[in-house]
N, C-alpha and C. Protein backbone atom coordinates (compact mmCIF):
# COMPACT_ATOMS: atom_id res chain seq x y z
N MET A 1 4.66 1.04 12.66
CA MET A 1 3.71 -0.02 12.46
C MET A 1 3.25 -0.53 13.82
N ASP A 2 1.99 -0.88 13.92
CA ASP A 2 1.52 -1.43 15.17
C ASP A 2 1.87 -2.92 15.25
N ASP A 3 1.60 -3.53 16.40
CA ASP A 3 1.99 -4.92 16.62
C ASP A 3 1.34 -5.88 15.63
N TRP A 4 0.05 -5.70 15.37
CA TRP A 4 -0.64 -6.60 14.45
C TRP A 4 -0.03 -6.52 13.05
N LEU A 5 0.19 -5.29 12.57
CA LEU A 5 0.74 -5.12 11.23
C LEU A 5 2.17 -5.64 11.14
N THR A 6 2.92 -5.50 12.20
CA THR A 6 4.29 -6.04 12.22
C THR A 6 4.25 -7.56 12.12
N ARG A 7 3.35 -8.20 12.86
CA ARG A 7 3.23 -9.66 12.77
C ARG A 7 2.78 -10.09 11.38
N ALA A 8 1.84 -9.36 10.80
CA ALA A 8 1.36 -9.69 9.46
C ALA A 8 2.49 -9.51 8.44
N ARG A 9 3.25 -8.41 8.57
CA ARG A 9 4.38 -8.19 7.68
C ARG A 9 5.39 -9.32 7.78
N ASP A 10 5.69 -9.75 9.00
CA ASP A 10 6.65 -10.83 9.20
C ASP A 10 6.14 -12.13 8.58
N ALA A 11 4.86 -12.41 8.71
CA ALA A 11 4.28 -13.63 8.12
C ALA A 11 4.32 -13.57 6.59
N VAL A 12 4.01 -12.40 6.04
CA VAL A 12 4.06 -12.24 4.59
C VAL A 12 5.50 -12.38 4.09
N ALA A 13 6.42 -11.78 4.78
CA ALA A 13 7.84 -11.88 4.39
C ALA A 13 8.30 -13.33 4.41
N GLU A 14 7.93 -14.05 5.44
CA GLU A 14 8.32 -15.46 5.53
C GLU A 14 7.71 -16.27 4.39
N ALA A 15 6.43 -16.04 4.13
CA ALA A 15 5.75 -16.77 3.06
C ALA A 15 6.33 -16.44 1.69
N ALA A 16 6.78 -15.19 1.52
CA ALA A 16 7.35 -14.76 0.24
C ALA A 16 8.84 -15.08 0.12
N GLY A 17 9.45 -15.46 1.24
CA GLY A 17 10.87 -15.76 1.22
C GLY A 17 11.75 -14.53 1.06
N VAL A 18 11.29 -13.42 1.64
CA VAL A 18 12.08 -12.18 1.59
C VAL A 18 12.31 -11.69 3.01
N PRO A 19 13.37 -10.92 3.23
CA PRO A 19 13.59 -10.37 4.57
C PRO A 19 12.46 -9.40 4.94
N ALA A 20 12.04 -9.42 6.18
CA ALA A 20 10.97 -8.53 6.64
C ALA A 20 11.34 -7.07 6.42
N SER A 21 12.62 -6.76 6.46
CA SER A 21 13.06 -5.38 6.27
C SER A 21 12.68 -4.85 4.89
N GLU A 22 12.53 -5.73 3.90
CA GLU A 22 12.12 -5.30 2.56
C GLU A 22 10.67 -4.85 2.52
N LEU A 23 9.89 -5.23 3.52
CA LEU A 23 8.47 -4.88 3.57
C LEU A 23 8.18 -3.82 4.61
N GLU A 24 9.20 -3.20 5.14
CA GLU A 24 9.03 -2.17 6.16
C GLU A 24 8.35 -0.95 5.56
N LEU A 25 7.37 -0.42 6.27
CA LEU A 25 6.69 0.81 5.86
C LEU A 25 7.18 1.96 6.72
N ASP A 26 7.70 3.00 6.07
CA ASP A 26 8.06 4.18 6.84
C ASP A 26 6.82 5.07 6.97
N HIS A 27 6.95 6.12 7.76
CA HIS A 27 5.80 6.99 8.03
C HIS A 27 5.22 7.58 6.75
N ASP A 28 6.08 8.00 5.83
CA ASP A 28 5.60 8.61 4.59
C ASP A 28 4.83 7.60 3.74
N ALA A 29 5.33 6.37 3.65
CA ALA A 29 4.64 5.33 2.87
C ALA A 29 3.29 5.01 3.51
N GLU A 30 3.26 4.92 4.83
CA GLU A 30 1.99 4.67 5.52
C GLU A 30 0.98 5.76 5.19
N ALA A 31 1.41 7.01 5.29
CA ALA A 31 0.52 8.13 5.04
C ALA A 31 0.03 8.13 3.59
N THR A 32 0.92 7.84 2.65
CA THR A 32 0.54 7.81 1.24
C THR A 32 -0.46 6.70 0.97
N LEU A 33 -0.20 5.51 1.48
CA LEU A 33 -1.11 4.38 1.24
C LEU A 33 -2.48 4.63 1.87
N LEU A 34 -2.49 5.20 3.07
CA LEU A 34 -3.77 5.50 3.70
C LEU A 34 -4.53 6.57 2.93
N ASP A 35 -3.81 7.55 2.38
CA ASP A 35 -4.47 8.57 1.57
C ASP A 35 -5.03 7.96 0.29
N LEU A 36 -4.28 7.07 -0.34
CA LEU A 36 -4.78 6.41 -1.56
C LEU A 36 -5.99 5.53 -1.25
N ALA A 37 -5.97 4.87 -0.12
CA ALA A 37 -7.13 4.06 0.29
C ALA A 37 -8.34 4.96 0.50
N ARG A 38 -8.13 6.11 1.10
CA ARG A 38 -9.22 7.07 1.31
C ARG A 38 -9.78 7.53 -0.03
N ILE A 39 -8.89 7.88 -0.95
CA ILE A 39 -9.33 8.32 -2.27
C ILE A 39 -10.13 7.22 -2.95
N ALA A 40 -9.63 6.01 -2.93
CA ALA A 40 -10.33 4.89 -3.59
C ALA A 40 -11.71 4.69 -3.01
N ALA A 41 -11.82 4.74 -1.71
CA ALA A 41 -13.11 4.51 -1.06
C ALA A 41 -14.09 5.63 -1.36
N HIS A 42 -13.64 6.86 -1.29
CA HIS A 42 -14.55 8.00 -1.45
C HIS A 42 -14.85 8.31 -2.91
N ALA A 43 -13.83 8.29 -3.75
CA ALA A 43 -14.04 8.65 -5.16
C ALA A 43 -14.87 7.61 -5.89
N SER A 44 -14.72 6.35 -5.51
CA SER A 44 -15.45 5.29 -6.19
C SER A 44 -16.81 5.02 -5.55
N GLY A 45 -16.95 5.43 -4.29
CA GLY A 45 -18.18 5.13 -3.56
C GLY A 45 -18.26 3.70 -3.07
N ASP A 46 -17.15 2.98 -3.18
CA ASP A 46 -17.12 1.57 -2.77
C ASP A 46 -15.88 1.33 -1.92
N ARG A 47 -16.08 1.13 -0.63
CA ARG A 47 -14.95 0.97 0.30
C ARG A 47 -14.06 -0.21 -0.05
N THR A 48 -14.61 -1.23 -0.71
CA THR A 48 -13.78 -2.39 -1.02
C THR A 48 -12.71 -2.07 -2.06
N ASN A 49 -12.83 -0.94 -2.75
CA ASN A 49 -11.78 -0.56 -3.69
C ASN A 49 -10.50 -0.13 -3.00
N ALA A 50 -10.58 0.29 -1.73
CA ALA A 50 -9.40 0.76 -1.00
C ALA A 50 -8.33 -0.33 -0.88
N PRO A 51 -8.63 -1.50 -0.34
CA PRO A 51 -7.58 -2.52 -0.24
C PRO A 51 -7.16 -3.05 -1.61
N LEU A 52 -8.09 -3.07 -2.55
CA LEU A 52 -7.74 -3.56 -3.88
C LEU A 52 -6.77 -2.60 -4.57
N LEU A 53 -6.99 -1.31 -4.42
CA LEU A 53 -6.06 -0.34 -4.98
C LEU A 53 -4.69 -0.46 -4.33
N CYS A 54 -4.66 -0.62 -3.01
CA CYS A 54 -3.37 -0.77 -2.32
C CYS A 54 -2.64 -2.02 -2.79
N TYR A 55 -3.38 -3.08 -3.07
CA TYR A 55 -2.78 -4.29 -3.63
C TYR A 55 -2.16 -3.99 -4.99
N LEU A 56 -2.90 -3.28 -5.86
CA LEU A 56 -2.38 -2.94 -7.18
C LEU A 56 -1.13 -2.08 -7.07
N ILE A 57 -1.14 -1.13 -6.14
CA ILE A 57 0.03 -0.29 -5.91
C ILE A 57 1.22 -1.16 -5.51
N GLY A 58 0.99 -2.09 -4.62
CA GLY A 58 2.06 -2.99 -4.18
C GLY A 58 2.61 -3.83 -5.32
N ARG A 59 1.74 -4.30 -6.17
CA ARG A 59 2.18 -5.09 -7.34
C ARG A 59 3.02 -4.24 -8.28
N ALA A 60 2.65 -2.99 -8.45
CA ALA A 60 3.33 -2.11 -9.40
C ALA A 60 4.58 -1.46 -8.82
N GLN A 61 4.74 -1.50 -7.52
CA GLN A 61 5.82 -0.73 -6.91
C GLN A 61 7.21 -1.22 -7.30
N GLY A 62 7.34 -2.43 -7.80
CA GLY A 62 8.65 -2.88 -8.26
C GLY A 62 9.10 -2.14 -9.51
N THR A 63 8.17 -1.47 -10.18
CA THR A 63 8.52 -0.78 -11.42
C THR A 63 8.61 0.73 -11.26
N ARG A 64 7.96 1.29 -10.26
CA ARG A 64 7.94 2.75 -10.05
C ARG A 64 7.96 3.06 -8.56
N GLU A 65 8.37 4.27 -8.24
CA GLU A 65 8.35 4.73 -6.86
C GLU A 65 6.91 4.95 -6.41
N LEU A 66 6.68 4.80 -5.12
CA LEU A 66 5.33 4.95 -4.56
C LEU A 66 4.74 6.30 -4.91
N GLU A 67 5.51 7.36 -4.80
CA GLU A 67 4.98 8.70 -5.07
C GLU A 67 4.53 8.86 -6.52
N ALA A 68 5.23 8.24 -7.46
CA ALA A 68 4.83 8.31 -8.87
C ALA A 68 3.51 7.57 -9.08
N LEU A 69 3.36 6.44 -8.42
CA LEU A 69 2.10 5.69 -8.53
C LEU A 69 0.97 6.45 -7.86
N ALA A 70 1.26 7.07 -6.71
CA ALA A 70 0.24 7.86 -6.02
C ALA A 70 -0.21 9.03 -6.87
N LYS A 71 0.73 9.67 -7.55
CA LYS A 71 0.39 10.80 -8.42
C LYS A 71 -0.53 10.34 -9.55
N ALA A 72 -0.28 9.17 -10.09
CA ALA A 72 -1.13 8.63 -11.16
C ALA A 72 -2.56 8.40 -10.66
N VAL A 73 -2.66 7.83 -9.45
CA VAL A 73 -4.00 7.58 -8.88
C VAL A 73 -4.72 8.89 -8.60
N ARG A 74 -4.00 9.82 -8.01
CA ARG A 74 -4.63 11.12 -7.71
C ARG A 74 -5.08 11.82 -8.98
N GLY A 75 -4.31 11.68 -10.05
CA GLY A 75 -4.68 12.29 -11.32
C GLY A 75 -5.88 11.64 -11.98
N ALA A 76 -6.08 10.36 -11.68
CA ALA A 76 -7.19 9.63 -12.28
C ALA A 76 -8.49 9.77 -11.49
N SER A 77 -8.40 10.34 -10.31
CA SER A 77 -9.57 10.42 -9.44
C SER A 77 -10.34 11.70 -9.62
């Protein structure tokens, strides 16, 4: 994670009352989320769908693994 994203993660963790380590993104998660954002922007023709999709993925991730959610998005595109 770059410095800006690390600071944003820390601020979100503090606001949510969770340890920052729970919001850590590893390289694979970063790559998957960026790929999903790319798919959302290109498949829909609307770039604003990229962050909205990533938000939905984040909301759903408590119920399923990231790769399962990514597979669902890729299958729907």
